[in-house]
Amino acid sequence: MATIIGAVTTSHIPAIANAMANKLEETPYWKPFFDGYPPVRKWLNEKKPDVIVLFYNDHGLEFFIDKKPTFAIGVADEYHNSDEGWGIATIPPVTGESELSWHIANSLVEDGFDMTICQEMKVDHGLTVPLSLMWPGNDYGHVKVIPVCINCEQHPMPQPKRCYALGQAIGKAIESFDSDMTVAIFGTGGLSHQLDGEAAGTLNRKFDLECMDKLVACPEELTQYSNLDLVKIGGAQTVELNMWIAMRGVLRGKVTELHCNYHAPISNTGAGLLLLEHEMPE
């Protein structure tokens, strides 16, 4: 069976890509954020996962508000980025893993998840920024990526408990795949933030840190929140926590925290980073 070796959570703010492009990593504003990433990069370069299953949300590049699937999975051999209007340079194509993708897609449908299955899809900064952060210089060509897109923009959105269940089903599917490949899971986005409206600029550092702790030790507690709870506690875009919750659902064995970093505000967002090691269940 395929082996899930661990997971990473990270912000995917567009401004991160611009900061890297303009070599601002050592400036006072950005340094506390970027200083958190070398241990994660080191772990990824040492472990060399064959595949990354990456949870993200699309901000309008592939799925606009007129067609917004609750859950979507890519099953392509390659994914392309495109200009989103943020001033971010597009990145080279991302290599897919179609055989495992189709296995996961079939397993999810059998388990009652009515997925939107994409044989072609453009991927936006929700996916590209994390790859650029983990492999600076877009040096990610050696790893294959399976994108899993969760609606965090257009109501109705899936609740945390449903996203956790999705992750559990994906973990089950990966474990049943007849291969010796190694897989790492990325949960992206968040944490607390609101970018528009009367509450623009909202952050909740205390809640963010509590979520990071619970994600390691007691993730089921996070599934007790509703999306409305998350909006009230941390701002409208705090529902991006659902990508982290889905990631944690995949990890069905023993989880050990190897690294943690938090800095706020970065582009009006609480930016968290976790590196989790995973032991496969027996």
Protein backbone atom coordinates (compact mmCIF):
# COMPACT_ATOMS: atom_id res chain seq x y z
CA MET A 1 0.00 0.00 0.00
CA ALA A 2 1.02 3.63 -0.41
CA THR A 3 2.53 5.21 2.71
CA ILE A 4 1.42 8.57 4.13
CA ILE A 5 4.59 9.94 5.70
CA GLY A 6 3.38 13.28 7.05
CA ALA A 7 1.72 16.60 6.41
CA VAL A 8 2.34 20.31 6.10
CA THR A 9 0.01 23.23 6.70
CA THR A 10 0.75 26.67 5.31
CA SER A 11 -0.76 29.95 4.24
CA HIS A 12 -1.22 30.56 0.51
CA ILE A 13 -1.52 34.38 0.47
CA PRO A 14 -0.75 35.87 -2.99
CA ALA A 15 1.53 38.48 -1.40
CA ILE A 16 3.92 35.67 -0.41
CA ALA A 17 4.71 34.98 -4.07
CA ASN A 18 5.33 38.66 -4.71
CA ALA A 19 7.61 38.88 -1.67
CA MET A 20 9.68 35.97 -2.95
CA ALA A 21 9.83 37.39 -6.46
CA ASN A 22 11.04 40.74 -5.09
CA LYS A 23 13.49 39.12 -2.63
CA LEU A 24 11.84 40.58 0.45
CA GLU A 25 12.30 37.51 2.67
CA GLU A 26 14.82 39.23 4.96
CA THR A 27 12.92 42.50 5.38
CA PRO A 28 11.49 43.19 8.87
CA TYR A 29 7.89 42.67 7.73
CA TRP A 30 8.49 39.28 6.10
CA LYS A 31 11.41 37.75 8.02
CA PRO A 32 9.39 36.25 10.93
CA PHE A 33 7.18 34.51 8.36
CA PHE A 34 9.87 33.10 6.07
CA ASP A 35 12.14 32.09 8.97
CA GLY A 36 9.66 29.33 9.76
CA TYR A 37 10.13 27.43 6.49
CA PRO A 38 13.71 26.02 6.38
CA PRO A 39 12.91 23.05 8.70
CA VAL A 40 9.95 22.08 6.53
CA ARG A 41 11.96 22.38 3.33
CA LYS A 42 14.72 20.27 4.90
CA TRP A 43 12.23 17.55 5.86
CA LEU A 44 10.69 17.48 2.39
CA ASN A 45 14.11 17.31 0.73
CA GLU A 46 15.16 14.46 3.03
CA LYS A 47 11.94 12.44 2.81
CA LYS A 48 11.37 13.10 -0.89
CA PRO A 49 7.66 12.19 -1.06
CA ASP A 50 6.58 10.85 -4.43
CA VAL A 51 3.18 12.55 -4.28
CA ILE A 52 1.62 15.56 -2.58
CA VAL A 53 -2.15 15.50 -2.00
CA LEU A 54 -2.86 19.20 -1.67
CA PHE A 55 -6.06 20.68 -0.21
CA TYR A 56 -6.73 24.22 -1.38
CA ASN A 57 -9.56 26.50 -2.43
CA ASP A 58 -9.93 28.06 -5.87
CA HIS A 59 -10.40 31.84 -5.81
CA GLY A 60 -12.05 32.18 -9.20
CA LEU A 61 -9.48 30.97 -11.71
CA GLU A 62 -11.07 27.59 -12.49
CA PHE A 63 -14.31 27.79 -10.51
CA PHE A 64 -16.04 31.17 -10.41
CA ILE A 65 -19.15 31.91 -8.33
CA ASP A 66 -21.43 30.77 -11.15
CA LYS A 67 -20.13 27.17 -10.87
CA LYS A 68 -18.62 26.27 -7.53
CA PRO A 69 -18.35 22.56 -6.71
CA THR A 70 -18.35 21.63 -3.04
CA PHE A 71 -15.43 19.23 -3.52
CA ALA A 72 -13.32 18.74 -6.65
CA ILE A 73 -10.34 16.52 -7.40
CA GLY A 74 -7.91 16.70 -10.28
CA VAL A 75 -7.07 13.49 -12.16
CA ALA A 76 -4.87 15.04 -14.86
CA ASP A 77 -1.26 14.30 -15.76
CA GLU A 78 -0.41 18.00 -15.66
CA TYR A 79 -1.83 21.24 -14.25
CA HIS A 80 -1.28 24.80 -15.41
CA ASN A 81 -1.39 28.13 -13.63
CA SER A 82 -2.63 31.36 -15.21
CA ASP A 83 -2.65 35.11 -14.50
CA GLU A 84 -5.18 35.77 -11.72
CA GLY A 85 -4.73 39.53 -11.60
CA TRP A 86 -2.71 39.57 -8.36
CA GLY A 87 0.53 40.48 -10.10
CA ILE A 88 1.97 37.03 -9.40
CA ALA A 89 4.18 35.48 -12.06
CA THR A 90 2.78 32.22 -13.40
CA ILE A 91 4.74 29.11 -12.48
CA PRO A 92 5.83 26.13 -14.58
CA PRO A 93 3.37 23.26 -15.07
CA VAL A 94 2.70 21.01 -12.09
CA THR A 95 2.96 17.25 -12.68
CA GLY A 96 -0.08 15.19 -11.70
CA GLU A 97 -0.42 11.54 -10.59
CA SER A 98 -3.41 10.32 -12.55
CA GLU A 99 -3.38 6.66 -11.48
CA LEU A 100 -3.61 7.44 -7.75
CA SER A 101 -5.98 10.34 -8.47
CA TRP A 102 -8.47 8.07 -10.21
CA HIS A 103 -8.16 5.50 -7.45
CA ILE A 104 -8.98 8.17 -4.85
CA ALA A 105 -11.83 9.56 -6.96
CA ASN A 106 -13.45 6.15 -7.40
CA SER A 107 -13.05 5.32 -3.73
CA LEU A 108 -14.57 8.65 -2.68
CA VAL A 109 -17.65 8.19 -4.85
CA GLU A 110 -18.11 4.68 -3.47
CA ASP A 111 -17.91 6.19 0.03
CA GLY A 112 -20.66 8.70 -0.71
CA PHE A 113 -18.70 11.80 -1.74
CA ASP A 114 -20.11 13.19 -4.98
CA MET A 115 -16.89 14.67 -6.28
CA THR A 116 -16.42 16.95 -9.25
CA ILE A 117 -13.72 15.04 -11.16
CA CYS A 118 -11.52 17.25 -13.31
CA GLN A 119 -9.51 15.80 -16.18
CA GLU A 120 -8.39 19.36 -16.92
CA MET A 121 -8.17 22.23 -14.44
CA LYS A 122 -6.17 25.38 -13.91
CA VAL A 123 -4.69 25.79 -10.44
CA ASP A 124 -4.46 29.15 -8.71
CA HIS A 125 -2.36 30.64 -5.91
CA GLY A 126 -4.04 28.37 -3.38
CA LEU A 127 -1.91 25.57 -4.82
CA THR A 128 1.00 27.36 -6.46
CA VAL A 129 2.12 29.52 -3.53
CA PRO A 130 2.62 26.51 -1.20
CA LEU A 131 4.68 24.72 -3.86
CA SER A 132 6.82 27.81 -4.39
CA LEU A 133 7.28 28.20 -0.62
CA MET A 134 8.40 24.62 -0.11
CA TRP A 135 10.62 24.47 -3.19
CA PRO A 136 12.01 27.98 -3.87
CA GLY A 137 12.85 28.67 -7.47
CA ASN A 138 9.94 26.43 -8.51
CA ASP A 139 12.14 23.38 -7.94
CA TYR A 140 9.17 21.04 -7.50
CA GLY A 141 9.42 19.15 -10.79
CA HIS A 142 10.38 15.90 -9.05
CA VAL A 143 7.14 15.62 -7.07
CA LYS A 144 3.66 14.78 -8.36
CA VAL A 145 0.63 16.67 -7.08
CA ILE A 146 -3.02 15.70 -6.63
CA PRO A 147 -5.16 18.83 -6.15
CA VAL A 148 -8.24 18.58 -3.95
CA CYS A 149 -10.33 21.75 -4.06
CA ILE A 150 -12.78 22.69 -1.28
CA ASN A 151 -15.35 25.46 -1.67
CA CYS A 152 -14.56 28.22 0.84
CA GLU A 153 -15.99 31.17 -1.11
CA GLN A 154 -19.59 30.64 -2.14
CA HIS A 155 -22.41 29.60 0.19
CA PRO A 156 -23.42 26.89 0.86
CA MET A 157 -19.98 25.61 1.86
CA PRO A 158 -19.08 22.22 3.37
CA GLN A 159 -18.91 22.22 7.14
CA PRO A 160 -15.73 21.34 9.08
CA LYS A 161 -17.06 17.91 10.06
CA ARG A 162 -17.72 17.06 6.40
CA CYS A 163 -14.25 18.23 5.37
CA TYR A 164 -12.74 16.05 8.10
CA ALA A 165 -14.75 13.10 6.82
CA LEU A 166 -13.48 13.81 3.29
CA GLY A 167 -9.93 13.66 4.57
CA GLN A 168 -10.60 10.38 6.34
CA ALA A 169 -11.99 8.89 3.14
CA ILE A 170 -8.97 10.08 1.16
CA GLY A 171 -6.65 8.57 3.77
CA LYS A 172 -8.47 5.27 3.45
CA ALA A 173 -8.16 5.43 -0.35
CA ILE A 174 -4.43 6.15 -0.28
CA GLU A 175 -3.82 3.33 2.18
CA SER A 176 -5.62 0.89 -0.14
CA PHE A 177 -3.59 1.86 -3.23
CA ASP A 178 -1.34 -0.99 -4.34
CA SER A 179 1.96 0.84 -4.58
CA ASP A 180 5.08 1.51 -2.52
CA MET A 181 4.92 5.27 -3.21
CA THR A 182 5.20 7.76 -0.37
CA VAL A 183 2.63 10.52 0.05
CA ALA A 184 2.64 13.82 1.96
CA ILE A 185 -0.50 15.86 2.61
CA PHE A 186 -0.70 19.66 2.37
CA GLY A 187 -3.45 21.69 4.03
CA THR A 188 -3.32 25.29 2.83
CA GLY A 189 -4.95 28.66 3.48
CA GLY A 190 -5.96 30.60 6.57
CA LEU A 191 -5.82 31.08 9.31
CA SER A 192 -8.06 33.83 10.72
CA HIS A 193 -8.68 36.73 8.37
CA GLN A 194 -11.29 38.88 6.69
CA LEU A 195 -10.35 40.80 3.57
CA ASP A 196 -13.47 42.87 2.93
CA GLY A 197 -16.60 44.34 4.51
CA GLU A 198 -17.02 46.17 7.81
CA ALA A 199 -14.91 43.62 9.67
CA ALA A 200 -12.00 43.76 7.22
CA GLY A 201 -8.71 43.21 9.01
CA THR A 202 -10.17 40.86 11.63
CA LEU A 203 -7.65 38.46 13.20
CA ASN A 204 -7.85 36.14 16.18
CA ARG A 205 -4.36 35.08 17.22
CA LYS A 206 -5.56 33.17 20.29
CA PHE A 207 -8.01 31.11 18.26
CA ASP A 208 -5.42 30.42 15.55
CA LEU A 209 -2.94 29.02 18.08
CA GLU A 210 -5.65 26.94 19.74
CA CYS A 211 -6.59 25.48 16.36
CA MET A 212 -2.99 24.58 15.62
CA ASP A 213 -2.68 22.78 18.95
CA LYS A 214 -5.98 20.93 18.51
CA LEU A 215 -5.12 19.96 14.96
CA VAL A 216 -2.29 17.86 16.36
CA ALA A 217 -3.80 16.48 19.56
CA CYS A 218 -7.58 16.46 19.20
CA PRO A 219 -8.72 17.35 15.66
CA GLU A 220 -12.25 16.08 16.23
CA GLU A 221 -12.83 19.08 18.51
CA LEU A 222 -12.44 21.39 15.52
CA THR A 223 -15.25 19.57 13.72
CA GLN A 224 -17.68 20.85 16.37
CA TYR A 225 -17.48 24.34 14.86
CA SER A 226 -19.81 25.41 12.08
CA ASN A 227 -18.69 27.68 9.26
CA LEU A 228 -20.74 30.45 10.86
CA ASP A 229 -18.84 29.92 14.12
CA LEU A 230 -15.54 30.31 12.26
CA VAL A 231 -16.71 33.51 10.56
CA LYS A 232 -17.80 35.02 13.88
CA ILE A 233 -14.61 34.01 15.68
CA GLY A 234 -11.98 34.88 13.11
CA GLY A 235 -13.48 36.63 10.09
CA ALA A 236 -15.15 35.58 6.85
CA GLN A 237 -12.15 33.79 5.34
CA THR A 238 -11.42 31.77 8.49
CA VAL A 239 -13.43 28.99 6.83
CA GLU A 240 -10.16 28.18 5.03
CA LEU A 241 -9.37 26.27 8.21
CA ASN A 242 -11.43 23.54 6.53
CA MET A 243 -8.46 22.69 4.30
CA TRP A 244 -6.34 22.09 7.39
CA ILE A 245 -9.10 19.99 8.95
CA ALA A 246 -9.41 17.88 5.78
CA MET A 247 -5.64 17.35 5.78
CA ARG A 248 -5.74 16.16 9.38
CA GLY A 249 -8.52 13.72 8.55
CA VAL A 250 -6.19 11.92 6.14
CA LEU A 251 -3.74 11.11 8.95
CA ARG A 252 -5.35 8.06 10.51
CA GLY A 253 -2.26 6.87 12.42
CA LYS A 254 -0.02 8.40 15.11
CA VAL A 255 0.82 12.08 14.50
CA THR A 256 3.88 13.88 15.89
CA GLU A 257 4.46 17.63 15.58
CA LEU A 258 7.98 18.26 14.25
CA HIS A 259 7.79 22.02 13.68
CA CYS A 260 5.43 24.93 14.26
CA ASN A 261 5.49 28.63 13.38
CA TYR A 262 2.91 31.41 13.55
CA HIS A 263 3.11 35.05 12.53
CA ALA A 264 0.47 37.75 12.15
CA PRO A 265 -0.41 39.86 10.40
CA ILE A 266 0.84 38.91 6.97
CA SER A 267 -1.37 40.62 4.40
CA ASN A 268 -4.09 40.93 7.08
CA THR A 269 -3.92 37.20 7.80
CA GLY A 270 -2.85 34.95 10.64
CA ALA A 271 -0.23 32.76 8.96
CA GLY A 272 0.37 29.34 10.52
CA LEU A 273 2.83 26.61 9.62
CA LEU A 274 2.89 23.02 10.87
CA LEU A 275 5.03 20.01 10.01
CA LEU A 276 3.53 16.71 11.15
CA GLU A 277 5.08 13.27 10.99
CA HIS A 278 2.72 10.33 10.47
CA GLU A 279 3.01 6.67 11.37
CA MET A 280 0.72 4.45 9.33
CA PRO A 281 -1.95 2.59 11.33
CA GLU A 282 -1.44 -1.14 11.72
